[in-house]
């Protein structure tokens, strides 16, 4: 079964030659993706703040992570350009096809890679370079990561906690949503605080997308979506890519690798029961977070699909979760 995954951080974790040829460690490389049946995914460009490399979440119980402050646009642009360049190198090597149109999503000769900015700090506050990024291949964007920037306020990592942690989008953030709609760039709400989420929901004409989030009803982490947000996503024809990160799926919020795959399945079930199977998909966070040992790496994706079948999902339902829901939403969101 062909699989599309809604979020990975492989561009941060390795060089193009390592990805293409195979590497020790990490969650993804080309040989393992091919072995898993991964046909496509959203490849994130992430710019770290000083100190992010030491960010750790709780081992259980309550926690609140103090995050570094906003980063400057010029610094973010330089870093993001390097990371995005890795994806273009992989395309030149024939390892991936960067998806710039809906037709590209349907190619099967190589992995389809959607270029995504995880936090829009690389976009100028006046959006002067947004179209340049689009012409290069940008087709998905999160206005914020879990820190403030010119466009809005990211939700800090905390447990137990909701996402109602501050003000919504700035005026620049509102214009960013409008321009992304005009160009055909997905606006991803996964790291937005709750008010920012509702601002996007009000402004956007495209399906709402949370690329890598879980259900707050099952794991009371600030990064997860409450039922009202999940309902709103379904109401627009959008989707939730269920994250695999241990502290975002476990009931106790622990960053514990001894997390059964049934925990991820429970989030799929909760979202599907609320808004329908057409609105839930995969959003692993490979190479960006600790995931269940039972999955191990990208080669464990078929095990998760088997677990969905074992939990009572039909093969048709699993095919939607694995590929077709992402294909539909991306196709509906892009302008070509």
C-alpha atoms as a PDB file:
ATOM      1  CA  UNK A   1       0.000   0.000   0.000  1.00  0.00           C
ATOM      2  CA  UNK A   2       1.386   3.418  -0.946  1.00  0.00           C
ATOM      3  CA  UNK A   3       1.964   5.725   2.021  1.00  0.00           C
ATOM      4  CA  UNK A   4       2.135   9.511   2.356  1.00  0.00           C
ATOM      5  CA  UNK A   5       3.477  10.956   5.607  1.00  0.00           C
ATOM      6  CA  UNK A   6       2.589  14.491   6.597  1.00  0.00           C
ATOM      7  CA  UNK A   7       5.724  15.596   8.435  1.00  0.00           C
ATOM      8  CA  UNK A   8       9.401  14.723   8.715  1.00  0.00           C
ATOM      9  CA  UNK A   9      12.534  16.605   9.768  1.00  0.00           C
ATOM     10  CA  UNK A  10      15.051  14.649   7.733  1.00  0.00           C
ATOM     11  CA  UNK A  11      16.412  17.820   6.099  1.00  0.00           C
ATOM     12  CA  UNK A  12      17.591  18.883   9.557  1.00  0.00           C
ATOM     13  CA  UNK A  13      19.025  15.522  10.541  1.00  0.00           C
ATOM     14  CA  UNK A  14      21.195  14.441   7.603  1.00  0.00           C
ATOM     15  CA  UNK A  15      22.915  15.398   4.364  1.00  0.00           C
ATOM     16  CA  UNK A  16      21.588  14.468   0.896  1.00  0.00           C
ATOM     17  CA  UNK A  17      24.213  11.778   0.299  1.00  0.00           C
ATOM     18  CA  UNK A  18      23.333  10.114   3.610  1.00  0.00           C
ATOM     19  CA  UNK A  19      19.642  10.118   2.777  1.00  0.00           C
ATOM     20  CA  UNK A  20      20.102   8.823  -0.753  1.00  0.00           C
ATOM     21  CA  UNK A  21      22.630   6.130   0.059  1.00  0.00           C
ATOM     22  CA  UNK A  22      21.425   4.989   3.469  1.00  0.00           C
ATOM     23  CA  UNK A  23      22.736   5.850   6.920  1.00  0.00           C
ATOM     24  CA  UNK A  24      23.108   4.480  10.407  1.00  0.00           C
ATOM     25  CA  UNK A  25      20.561   5.881  12.813  1.00  0.00           C
ATOM     26  CA  UNK A  26      17.797   8.368  12.283  1.00  0.00           C
ATOM     27  CA  UNK A  27      14.308   7.437  11.192  1.00  0.00           C
ATOM     28  CA  UNK A  28      14.525   7.829   7.425  1.00  0.00           C
ATOM     29  CA  UNK A  29      16.651   7.368   4.343  1.00  0.00           C
ATOM     30  CA  UNK A  30      15.848   6.432   0.767  1.00  0.00           C
ATOM     31  CA  UNK A  31      16.463   2.661   1.040  1.00  0.00           C
ATOM     32  CA  UNK A  32      14.285   2.411   4.144  1.00  0.00           C
ATOM     33  CA  UNK A  33      11.559   4.625   2.653  1.00  0.00           C
ATOM     34  CA  UNK A  34      11.397   2.409  -0.411  1.00  0.00           C
ATOM     35  CA  UNK A  35      11.289  -0.712   1.734  1.00  0.00           C
ATOM     36  CA  UNK A  36       8.393   0.767   3.746  1.00  0.00           C
ATOM     37  CA  UNK A  37       6.332   1.755   0.713  1.00  0.00           C
ATOM     38  CA  UNK A  38       6.623   5.477   1.466  1.00  0.00           C
ATOM     39  CA  UNK A  39       5.559   7.145  -1.748  1.00  0.00           C
ATOM     40  CA  UNK A  40       5.559  10.723  -0.537  1.00  0.00           C
ATOM     41  CA  UNK A  41       5.783  13.084   2.367  1.00  0.00           C
ATOM     42  CA  UNK A  42       6.024  16.645   3.600  1.00  0.00           C
ATOM     43  CA  UNK A  43       9.679  17.533   4.137  1.00  0.00           C
ATOM     44  CA  UNK A  44      10.014  20.278   6.730  1.00  0.00           C
ATOM     45  CA  UNK A  45      12.556  23.081   6.776  1.00  0.00           C
ATOM     46  CA  UNK A  46      13.077  23.897  10.449  1.00  0.00           C
ATOM     47  CA  UNK A  47      15.257  26.675  11.863  1.00  0.00           C
ATOM     48  CA  UNK A  48      16.401  26.051  15.419  1.00  0.00           C
ATOM     49  CA  UNK A  49      16.838  28.728  18.038  1.00  0.00           C
ATOM     50  CA  UNK A  50      20.029  28.605  20.118  1.00  0.00           C
ATOM     51  CA  UNK A  51      19.389  26.038  22.832  1.00  0.00           C
ATOM     52  CA  UNK A  52      16.745  24.054  20.937  1.00  0.00           C
ATOM     53  CA  UNK A  53      19.135  21.144  20.670  1.00  0.00           C
ATOM     54  CA  UNK A  54      18.801  20.666  24.431  1.00  0.00           C
ATOM     55  CA  UNK A  55      14.993  20.734  24.457  1.00  0.00           C
ATOM     56  CA  UNK A  56      13.604  17.718  26.287  1.00  0.00           C
ATOM     57  CA  UNK A  57      10.076  16.878  27.333  1.00  0.00           C
ATOM     58  CA  UNK A  58       8.860  15.192  30.484  1.00  0.00           C
ATOM     59  CA  UNK A  59       9.212  11.595  31.544  1.00  0.00           C
ATOM     60  CA  UNK A  60       5.656  11.674  32.855  1.00  0.00           C
ATOM     61  CA  UNK A  61       3.526  13.920  35.004  1.00  0.00           C
ATOM     62  CA  UNK A  62       3.491  17.657  34.374  1.00  0.00           C
ATOM     63  CA  UNK A  63       6.046  19.770  32.531  1.00  0.00           C
ATOM     64  CA  UNK A  64       6.365  23.155  30.876  1.00  0.00           C
ATOM     65  CA  UNK A  65       9.264  23.874  28.535  1.00  0.00           C
ATOM     66  CA  UNK A  66      10.671  27.388  28.395  1.00  0.00           C
ATOM     67  CA  UNK A  67      11.492  28.003  24.754  1.00  0.00           C
ATOM     68  CA  UNK A  68      14.044  30.415  23.280  1.00  0.00           C
ATOM     69  CA  UNK A  69      12.809  33.761  21.963  1.00  0.00           C
ATOM     70  CA  UNK A  70      12.005  34.668  18.379  1.00  0.00           C
ATOM     71  CA  UNK A  71      14.792  34.500  15.799  1.00  0.00           C
ATOM     72  CA  UNK A  72      15.665  37.174  13.273  1.00  0.00           C
ATOM     73  CA  UNK A  73      14.421  36.919   9.705  1.00  0.00           C
ATOM     74  CA  UNK A  74      17.905  37.214   8.162  1.00  0.00           C
ATOM     75  CA  UNK A  75      19.268  34.376  10.299  1.00  0.00           C
ATOM     76  CA  UNK A  76      16.253  32.202   9.567  1.00  0.00           C
ATOM     77  CA  UNK A  77      16.444  32.870   5.841  1.00  0.00           C
ATOM     78  CA  UNK A  78      20.089  31.829   5.681  1.00  0.00           C
ATOM     79  CA  UNK A  79      19.463  28.594   7.582  1.00  0.00           C
ATOM     80  CA  UNK A  80      16.253  27.732   5.727  1.00  0.00           C
ATOM     81  CA  UNK A  81      17.900  28.276   2.351  1.00  0.00           C
ATOM     82  CA  UNK A  82      20.565  25.716   3.221  1.00  0.00           C
ATOM     83  CA  UNK A  83      17.995  23.137   4.360  1.00  0.00           C
ATOM     84  CA  UNK A  84      15.727  23.664   1.359  1.00  0.00           C
ATOM     85  CA  UNK A  85      18.787  23.338  -0.853  1.00  0.00           C
ATOM     86  CA  UNK A  86      19.248  19.799   0.440  1.00  0.00           C
ATOM     87  CA  UNK A  87      15.855  18.864  -0.971  1.00  0.00           C
ATOM     88  CA  UNK A  88      16.734  20.315  -4.362  1.00  0.00           C
ATOM     89  CA  UNK A  89      20.015  18.379  -4.311  1.00  0.00           C
ATOM     90  CA  UNK A  90      18.038  15.201  -3.613  1.00  0.00           C
ATOM     91  CA  UNK A  91      15.807  16.048  -6.566  1.00  0.00           C
ATOM     92  CA  UNK A  92      18.830  16.537  -8.816  1.00  0.00           C
ATOM     93  CA  UNK A  93      20.189  13.167  -7.636  1.00  0.00           C
ATOM     94  CA  UNK A  94      16.912  11.489  -8.623  1.00  0.00           C
ATOM     95  CA  UNK A  95      16.116  10.487  -5.041  1.00  0.00           C
ATOM     96  CA  UNK A  96      12.884  12.509  -4.794  1.00  0.00           C
ATOM     97  CA  UNK A  97      10.539  14.541  -6.962  1.00  0.00           C
ATOM     98  CA  UNK A  98       9.680  17.919  -5.432  1.00  0.00           C
ATOM     99  CA  UNK A  99       5.911  18.269  -5.827  1.00  0.00           C
ATOM    100  CA  UNK A 100       5.023  21.606  -7.395  1.00  0.00           C
ATOM    101  CA  UNK A 101       1.656  20.569  -8.865  1.00  0.00           C
ATOM    102  CA  UNK A 102      -1.100  18.067  -8.241  1.00  0.00           C
ATOM    103  CA  UNK A 103       0.134  16.073 -11.230  1.00  0.00           C
ATOM    104  CA  UNK A 104       3.451  15.572  -9.440  1.00  0.00           C
ATOM    105  CA  UNK A 105       1.606  13.904  -6.564  1.00  0.00           C
ATOM    106  CA  UNK A 106       0.499  11.133  -8.901  1.00  0.00           C
ATOM    107  CA  UNK A 107       3.958  10.204 -10.162  1.00  0.00           C
ATOM    108  CA  UNK A 108       5.339   6.884  -8.972  1.00  0.00           C
ATOM    109  CA  UNK A 109       8.900   6.878 -10.299  1.00  0.00           C
ATOM    110  CA  UNK A 110      10.317   8.288  -7.042  1.00  0.00           C
ATOM    111  CA  UNK A 111       9.300   9.634  -3.641  1.00  0.00           C
ATOM    112  CA  UNK A 112       7.168  12.770  -3.901  1.00  0.00           C
ATOM    113  CA  UNK A 113       8.475  15.474  -1.553  1.00  0.00           C
ATOM    114  CA  UNK A 114       6.434  18.524  -0.534  1.00  0.00           C
ATOM    115  CA  UNK A 115       8.607  21.436   0.616  1.00  0.00           C
ATOM    116  CA  UNK A 116       7.351  22.909   3.904  1.00  0.00           C
ATOM    117  CA  UNK A 117       8.496  25.740   6.171  1.00  0.00           C
ATOM    118  CA  UNK A 118       7.979  24.776   9.816  1.00  0.00           C
ATOM    119  CA  UNK A 119       7.690  28.314  11.105  1.00  0.00           C
ATOM    120  CA  UNK A 120       7.678  31.198   8.615  1.00  0.00           C
ATOM    121  CA  UNK A 121      10.636  33.169   9.937  1.00  0.00           C
ATOM    122  CA  UNK A 122      12.344  32.750   6.537  1.00  0.00           C
ATOM    123  CA  UNK A 123       9.496  34.738   4.976  1.00  0.00           C
ATOM    124  CA  UNK A 124      10.018  38.500   5.152  1.00  0.00           C
ATOM    125  CA  UNK A 125       7.539  40.295   7.420  1.00  0.00           C
ATOM    126  CA  UNK A 126       6.238  42.187   4.366  1.00  0.00           C
ATOM    127  CA  UNK A 127       6.022  38.868   2.429  1.00  0.00           C
ATOM    128  CA  UNK A 128       8.404  40.246  -0.202  1.00  0.00           C
ATOM    129  CA  UNK A 129      10.048  36.848  -0.775  1.00  0.00           C
ATOM    130  CA  UNK A 130       6.985  34.588  -0.390  1.00  0.00           C
ATOM    131  CA  UNK A 131       6.483  34.271  -4.137  1.00  0.00           C
ATOM    132  CA  UNK A 132      10.195  33.517  -4.599  1.00  0.00           C
ATOM    133  CA  UNK A 133       9.818  30.613  -2.183  1.00  0.00           C
ATOM    134  CA  UNK A 134       6.718  29.503  -4.045  1.00  0.00           C
ATOM    135  CA  UNK A 135       8.499  29.543  -7.396  1.00  0.00           C
ATOM    136  CA  UNK A 136      11.288  27.457  -5.839  1.00  0.00           C
ATOM    137  CA  UNK A 137       8.775  24.814  -4.752  1.00  0.00           C
ATOM    138  CA  UNK A 138       7.246  25.822  -1.411  1.00  0.00           C
ATOM    139  CA  UNK A 139       3.768  24.300  -1.162  1.00  0.00           C
ATOM    140  CA  UNK A 140       3.161  24.097   2.599  1.00  0.00           C
ATOM    141  CA  UNK A 141       3.883  26.454   5.473  1.00  0.00           C
ATOM    142  CA  UNK A 142       3.310  26.676   9.198  1.00  0.00           C
ATOM    143  CA  UNK A 143       3.102  30.352  10.232  1.00  0.00           C
ATOM    144  CA  UNK A 144       4.849  29.513  13.502  1.00  0.00           C
ATOM    145  CA  UNK A 145       6.779  26.841  15.291  1.00  0.00           C
ATOM    146  CA  UNK A 146       6.386  26.765  19.091  1.00  0.00           C
ATOM    147  CA  UNK A 147       7.731  30.282  19.585  1.00  0.00           C
ATOM    148  CA  UNK A 148       6.565  33.791  18.624  1.00  0.00           C
ATOM    149  CA  UNK A 149       7.466  35.447  15.339  1.00  0.00           C
ATOM    150  CA  UNK A 150       6.273  38.277  13.098  1.00  0.00           C
ATOM    151  CA  UNK A 151       3.190  36.278  12.108  1.00  0.00           C
ATOM    152  CA  UNK A 152       1.812  34.839  15.322  1.00  0.00           C
ATOM    153  CA  UNK A 153       2.413  32.897  18.497  1.00  0.00           C
ATOM    154  CA  UNK A 154       3.375  29.276  18.721  1.00  0.00           C
ATOM    155  CA  UNK A 155       2.034  27.149  21.516  1.00  0.00           C
ATOM    156  CA  UNK A 156       4.705  26.254  24.132  1.00  0.00           C
ATOM    157  CA  UNK A 157       5.248  22.604  25.021  1.00  0.00           C
ATOM    158  CA  UNK A 158       3.391  21.866  28.246  1.00  0.00           C
ATOM    159  CA  UNK A 159       1.518  18.994  29.903  1.00  0.00           C
ATOM    160  CA  UNK A 160      -1.190  18.994  31.034  1.00  0.00           C
ATOM    161  CA  UNK A 161      -2.196  22.125  29.182  1.00  0.00           C
ATOM    162  CA  UNK A 162      -4.453  23.431  26.478  1.00  0.00           C
ATOM    163  CA  UNK A 163      -3.354  25.586  23.539  1.00  0.00           C
ATOM    164  CA  UNK A 164      -5.104  28.770  24.709  1.00  0.00           C
ATOM    165  CA  UNK A 165      -1.816  30.449  25.542  1.00  0.00           C
ATOM    166  CA  UNK A 166      -1.913  33.941  24.086  1.00  0.00           C
ATOM    167  CA  UNK A 167      -2.942  36.233  21.240  1.00  0.00           C
ATOM    168  CA  UNK A 168      -3.637  35.149  17.692  1.00  0.00           C
ATOM    169  CA  UNK A 169      -2.184  36.082  14.334  1.00  0.00           C
ATOM    170  CA  UNK A 170      -0.614  39.467  13.817  1.00  0.00           C
ATOM    171  CA  UNK A 171      -1.672  41.653  10.903  1.00  0.00           C
ATOM    172  CA  UNK A 172       1.290  40.225   8.994  1.00  0.00           C
ATOM    173  CA  UNK A 173       0.112  36.725   9.861  1.00  0.00           C
ATOM    174  CA  UNK A 174      -3.348  37.442   8.544  1.00  0.00           C
ATOM    175  CA  UNK A 175      -1.921  38.700   5.278  1.00  0.00           C
ATOM    176  CA  UNK A 176       0.316  35.630   5.105  1.00  0.00           C
ATOM    177  CA  UNK A 177      -2.737  33.354   5.253  1.00  0.00           C
ATOM    178  CA  UNK A 178      -4.465  35.336   2.491  1.00  0.00           C
ATOM    179  CA  UNK A 179      -1.419  35.264   0.226  1.00  0.00           C
ATOM    180  CA  UNK A 180      -0.863  31.546   0.809  1.00  0.00           C
ATOM    181  CA  UNK A 181      -4.477  30.963  -0.235  1.00  0.00           C
ATOM    182  CA  UNK A 182      -3.937  33.031  -3.376  1.00  0.00           C
ATOM    183  CA  UNK A 183      -0.769  31.202  -4.365  1.00  0.00           C
ATOM    184  CA  UNK A 184      -1.868  27.718  -3.373  1.00  0.00           C
ATOM    185  CA  UNK A 185       0.298  27.082  -0.306  1.00  0.00           C
ATOM    186  CA  UNK A 186      -1.119  24.915   2.485  1.00  0.00           C
ATOM    187  CA  UNK A 187      -1.360  26.732   5.833  1.00  0.00           C
ATOM    188  CA  UNK A 188      -0.498  24.236   8.573  1.00  0.00           C
ATOM    189  CA  UNK A 189      -1.927  24.925  12.052  1.00  0.00           C
ATOM    190  CA  UNK A 190      -0.001  22.286  14.008  1.00  0.00           C
ATOM    191  CA  UNK A 191       2.156  24.609  16.125  1.00  0.00           C
ATOM    192  CA  UNK A 192      -0.258  27.536  16.408  1.00  0.00           C
ATOM    193  CA  UNK A 193      -1.840  28.460  19.703  1.00  0.00           C
ATOM    194  CA  UNK A 194      -5.610  28.213  19.902  1.00  0.00           C
ATOM    195  CA  UNK A 195      -6.430  31.824  19.024  1.00  0.00           C
ATOM    196  CA  UNK A 196      -4.099  31.610  16.036  1.00  0.00           C
ATOM    197  CA  UNK A 197      -5.867  28.431  14.960  1.00  0.00           C
ATOM    198  CA  UNK A 198      -9.250  30.153  15.011  1.00  0.00           C
ATOM    199  CA  UNK A 199      -7.841  33.134  13.118  1.00  0.00           C
ATOM    200  CA  UNK A 200      -6.680  30.791  10.338  1.00  0.00           C
ATOM    201  CA  UNK A 201     -10.032  28.998  10.419  1.00  0.00           C
ATOM    202  CA  UNK A 202     -11.826  32.317   9.929  1.00  0.00           C
ATOM    203  CA  UNK A 203      -9.519  33.661   7.225  1.00  0.00           C
ATOM    204  CA  UNK A 204      -8.568  30.665   5.124  1.00  0.00           C
ATOM    205  CA  UNK A 205     -10.554  29.580   2.086  1.00  0.00           C
ATOM    206  CA  UNK A 206      -8.663  26.280   1.859  1.00  0.00           C
ATOM    207  CA  UNK A 207      -9.143  23.061   3.862  1.00  0.00           C
ATOM    208  CA  UNK A 208      -7.633  23.328   7.341  1.00  0.00           C
ATOM    209  CA  UNK A 209      -4.592  21.115   7.855  1.00  0.00           C
ATOM    210  CA  UNK A 210      -2.801  20.063  11.027  1.00  0.00           C
ATOM    211  CA  UNK A 211       0.131  18.122   9.624  1.00  0.00           C
ATOM    212  CA  UNK A 212       1.387  16.471  12.828  1.00  0.00           C
ATOM    213  CA  UNK A 213      -0.896  16.708  15.837  1.00  0.00           C
ATOM    214  CA  UNK A 214      -2.852  14.460  18.159  1.00  0.00           C
ATOM    215  CA  UNK A 215      -6.174  14.534  19.986  1.00  0.00           C
ATOM    216  CA  UNK A 216      -6.104  16.529  23.228  1.00  0.00           C
ATOM    217  CA  UNK A 217      -8.899  14.347  24.598  1.00  0.00           C
ATOM    218  CA  UNK A 218      -6.435  11.430  24.669  1.00  0.00           C
ATOM    219  CA  UNK A 219      -3.228  13.302  25.540  1.00  0.00           C
ATOM    220  CA  UNK A 220      -3.609  16.648  27.286  1.00  0.00           C
ATOM    221  CA  UNK A 221      -0.526  18.208  25.719  1.00  0.00           C
ATOM    222  CA  UNK A 222      -0.620  21.823  24.587  1.00  0.00           C
ATOM    223  CA  UNK A 223       0.461  20.716  21.096  1.00  0.00           C
ATOM    224  CA  UNK A 224      -2.702  18.702  20.533  1.00  0.00           C
ATOM    225  CA  UNK A 225      -6.092  19.691  19.130  1.00  0.00           C
ATOM    226  CA  UNK A 226      -9.224  19.883  21.228  1.00  0.00           C
ATOM    227  CA  UNK A 227     -12.438  18.407  19.888  1.00  0.00           C
ATOM    228  CA  UNK A 228     -13.787  21.779  18.742  1.00  0.00           C
ATOM    229  CA  UNK A 229     -10.656  22.317  16.634  1.00  0.00           C
ATOM    230  CA  UNK A 230     -10.902  18.805  15.217  1.00  0.00           C
ATOM    231  CA  UNK A 231     -14.535  19.445  14.300  1.00  0.00           C
ATOM    232  CA  UNK A 232     -13.583  22.701  12.564  1.00  0.00           C
ATOM    233  CA  UNK A 233     -10.932  20.920  10.499  1.00  0.00           C
ATOM    234  CA  UNK A 234     -13.443  18.331   9.393  1.00  0.00           C
ATOM    235  CA  UNK A 235     -15.962  21.033   8.536  1.00  0.00           C
ATOM    236  CA  UNK A 236     -13.600  22.544   5.964  1.00  0.00           C
ATOM    237  CA  UNK A 237     -12.800  19.225   4.320  1.00  0.00           C
ATOM    238  CA  UNK A 238      -9.311  19.270   5.857  1.00  0.00           C
ATOM    239  CA  UNK A 239      -7.363  16.682   7.804  1.00  0.00           C
ATOM    240  CA  UNK A 240      -5.319  15.908  10.880  1.00  0.00           C
ATOM    241  CA  UNK A 241      -2.042  14.083  10.294  1.00  0.00           C
ATOM    242  CA  UNK A 242      -1.694  12.030  13.472  1.00  0.00           C
ATOM    243  CA  UNK A 243       1.715  12.539  15.025  1.00  0.00           C
ATOM    244  CA  UNK A 244       3.764   9.580  16.332  1.00  0.00           C
ATOM    245  CA  UNK A 245       5.762  11.527  18.945  1.00  0.00           C
ATOM    246  CA  UNK A 246       5.542   9.686  22.257  1.00  0.00           C
ATOM    247  CA  UNK A 247       4.749  12.682  24.514  1.00  0.00           C
ATOM    248  CA  UNK A 248       1.973  13.863  22.159  1.00  0.00           C
ATOM    249  CA  UNK A 249       0.118  10.540  22.011  1.00  0.00           C
ATOM    250  CA  UNK A 250       0.520   8.975  25.472  1.00  0.00           C
ATOM    251  CA  UNK A 251      -2.141   9.605  28.117  1.00  0.00           C
ATOM    252  CA  UNK A 252       0.585  10.391  30.664  1.00  0.00           C
ATOM    253  CA  UNK A 253       2.506  12.730  28.337  1.00  0.00           C
ATOM    254  CA  UNK A 254       5.741  10.816  28.859  1.00  0.00           C
ATOM    255  CA  UNK A 255       8.536  10.793  26.303  1.00  0.00           C
ATOM    256  CA  UNK A 256       8.742   7.017  26.607  1.00  0.00           C
ATOM    257  CA  UNK A 257       9.697   4.768  23.685  1.00  0.00           C
ATOM    258  CA  UNK A 258       7.742   1.899  25.228  1.00  0.00           C
ATOM    259  CA  UNK A 259       4.588   3.240  23.641  1.00  0.00           C
ATOM    260  CA  UNK A 260       2.408   0.674  21.862  1.00  0.00           C
ATOM    261  CA  UNK A 261       1.216   1.317  18.322  1.00  0.00           C
ATOM    262  CA  UNK A 262      -2.312   1.012  19.674  1.00  0.00           C
ATOM    263  CA  UNK A 263      -1.772   4.442  21.247  1.00  0.00           C
ATOM    264  CA  UNK A 264      -1.411   6.031  17.800  1.00  0.00           C
ATOM    265  CA  UNK A 265      -4.341   3.958  16.535  1.00  0.00           C
ATOM    266  CA  UNK A 266      -6.483   5.398  19.344  1.00  0.00           C
ATOM    267  CA  UNK A 267      -5.846   8.937  18.064  1.00  0.00           C
ATOM    268  CA  UNK A 268      -6.782   7.884  14.529  1.00  0.00           C
ATOM    269  CA  UNK A 269      -9.961   6.321  15.906  1.00  0.00           C
ATOM    270  CA  UNK A 270     -10.894   9.375  17.981  1.00  0.00           C
ATOM    271  CA  UNK A 271     -10.518  11.756  15.048  1.00  0.00           C
ATOM    272  CA  UNK A 272     -12.247   9.420  12.580  1.00  0.00           C
ATOM    273  CA  UNK A 273     -15.169   8.941  14.958  1.00  0.00           C
ATOM    274  CA  UNK A 274     -15.619  12.714  15.279  1.00  0.00           C
ATOM    275  CA  UNK A 275     -15.160  13.932  11.704  1.00  0.00           C
ATOM    276  CA  UNK A 276     -14.933  10.867   9.487  1.00  0.00           C
ATOM    277  CA  UNK A 277     -12.205   8.653   8.090  1.00  0.00           C
ATOM    278  CA  UNK A 278     -11.709  11.041   5.155  1.00  0.00           C
ATOM    279  CA  UNK A 279     -10.185  13.607   7.504  1.00  0.00           C
ATOM    280  CA  UNK A 280      -7.427  11.707   9.296  1.00  0.00           C
ATOM    281  CA  UNK A 281      -4.008  10.741   7.949  1.00  0.00           C
ATOM    282  CA  UNK A 282      -0.391  10.220   9.038  1.00  0.00           C
ATOM    283  CA  UNK A 283       1.989  12.917  10.304  1.00  0.00           C
ATOM    284  CA  UNK A 284       4.853  11.068  11.921  1.00  0.00           C
ATOM    285  CA  UNK A 285       7.450  13.717  12.932  1.00  0.00           C
ATOM    286  CA  UNK A 286      10.184  11.277  11.855  1.00  0.00           C
ATOM    287  CA  UNK A 287      13.660  12.603  12.724  1.00  0.00           C
ATOM    288  CA  UNK A 288      12.049  15.306  14.848  1.00  0.00           C
ATOM    289  CA  UNK A 289      10.827  13.433  17.924  1.00  0.00           C
ATOM    290  CA  UNK A 290      11.038  10.185  19.850  1.00  0.00           C
ATOM    291  CA  UNK A 291       8.636   7.599  18.443  1.00  0.00           C
ATOM    292  CA  UNK A 292       7.465   4.195  19.694  1.00  0.00           C
ATOM    293  CA  UNK A 293      10.143   1.514  19.771  1.00  0.00           C
ATOM    294  CA  UNK A 294       7.544  -0.832  18.266  1.00  0.00           C
ATOM    295  CA  UNK A 295       7.738   1.220  15.079  1.00  0.00           C
ATOM    296  CA  UNK A 296      11.456   1.913  15.206  1.00  0.00           C
ATOM    297  CA  UNK A 297      11.743   3.982  12.045  1.00  0.00           C
ATOM    298  CA  UNK A 298      10.027   4.489   8.704  1.00  0.00           C
ATOM    299  CA  UNK A 299      10.123   0.752   8.005  1.00  0.00           C
ATOM    300  CA  UNK A 300       7.571   0.321  10.797  1.00  0.00           C
ATOM    301  CA  UNK A 301       4.849   2.142   8.861  1.00  0.00           C
ATOM    302  CA  UNK A 302       3.342  -1.114   7.509  1.00  0.00           C
ATOM    303  CA  UNK A 303       3.097  -2.341  11.100  1.00  0.00           C
ATOM    304  CA  UNK A 304       0.970   0.680  11.947  1.00  0.00           C
ATOM    305  CA  UNK A 305      -1.279   0.048   8.955  1.00  0.00           C
ATOM    306  CA  UNK A 306      -1.664  -3.563  10.104  1.00  0.00           C
ATOM    307  CA  UNK A 307      -2.564  -2.288  13.577  1.00  0.00           C
ATOM    308  CA  UNK A 308      -5.298  -0.123  12.047  1.00  0.00           C
ATOM    309  CA  UNK A 309      -6.741  -3.170  10.285  1.00  0.00           C
ATOM    310  CA  UNK A 310      -6.532  -5.168  13.515  1.00  0.00           C
ATOM    311  CA  UNK A 311      -8.440  -2.359  15.250  1.00  0.00           C
ATOM    312  CA  UNK A 312     -11.344  -2.741  12.837  1.00  0.00           C
ATOM    313  CA  UNK A 313     -10.577  -0.253  10.093  1.00  0.00           C
ATOM    314  CA  UNK A 314     -11.336  -1.587   6.616  1.00  0.00           C
ATOM    315  CA  UNK A 315      -8.632  -1.865   3.969  1.00  0.00           C
ATOM    316  CA  UNK A 316     -10.362   0.986   2.124  1.00  0.00           C
ATOM    317  CA  UNK A 317     -10.240   3.130   5.270  1.00  0.00           C
ATOM    318  CA  UNK A 318      -6.565   2.354   5.797  1.00  0.00           C
ATOM    319  CA  UNK A 319      -5.777   3.277   2.185  1.00  0.00           C
ATOM    320  CA  UNK A 320      -7.393   6.669   2.820  1.00  0.00           C
ATOM    321  CA  UNK A 321      -5.346   7.204   5.970  1.00  0.00           C
ATOM    322  CA  UNK A 322      -2.185   5.999   4.270  1.00  0.00           C
ATOM    323  CA  UNK A 323      -2.384   8.014   1.032  1.00  0.00           C
ATOM    324  CA  UNK A 324      -5.650   9.242  -0.392  1.00  0.00           C
ATOM    325  CA  UNK A 325      -6.644  11.773   2.265  1.00  0.00           C
ATOM    326  CA  UNK A 326      -3.396  13.678   1.878  1.00  0.00           C
ATOM    327  CA  UNK A 327      -3.715  13.449  -1.912  1.00  0.00           C
ATOM    328  CA  UNK A 328      -7.216  14.918  -1.813  1.00  0.00           C
ATOM    329  CA  UNK A 329      -6.431  17.774   0.565  1.00  0.00           C
ATOM    330  CA  UNK A 330      -3.212  18.820  -1.163  1.00  0.00           C
ATOM    331  CA  UNK A 331      -4.967  18.729  -4.515  1.00  0.00           C
ATOM    332  CA  UNK A 332      -7.817  20.877  -3.145  1.00  0.00           C
ATOM    333  CA  UNK A 333      -5.397  23.372  -1.593  1.00  0.00           C
ATOM    334  CA  UNK A 334      -2.969  23.965  -4.441  1.00  0.00           C
ATOM    335  CA  UNK A 335      -3.703  26.332  -7.278  1.00  0.00           C
ATOM    336  CA  UNK A 336      -2.506  23.987 -10.047  1.00  0.00           C
END
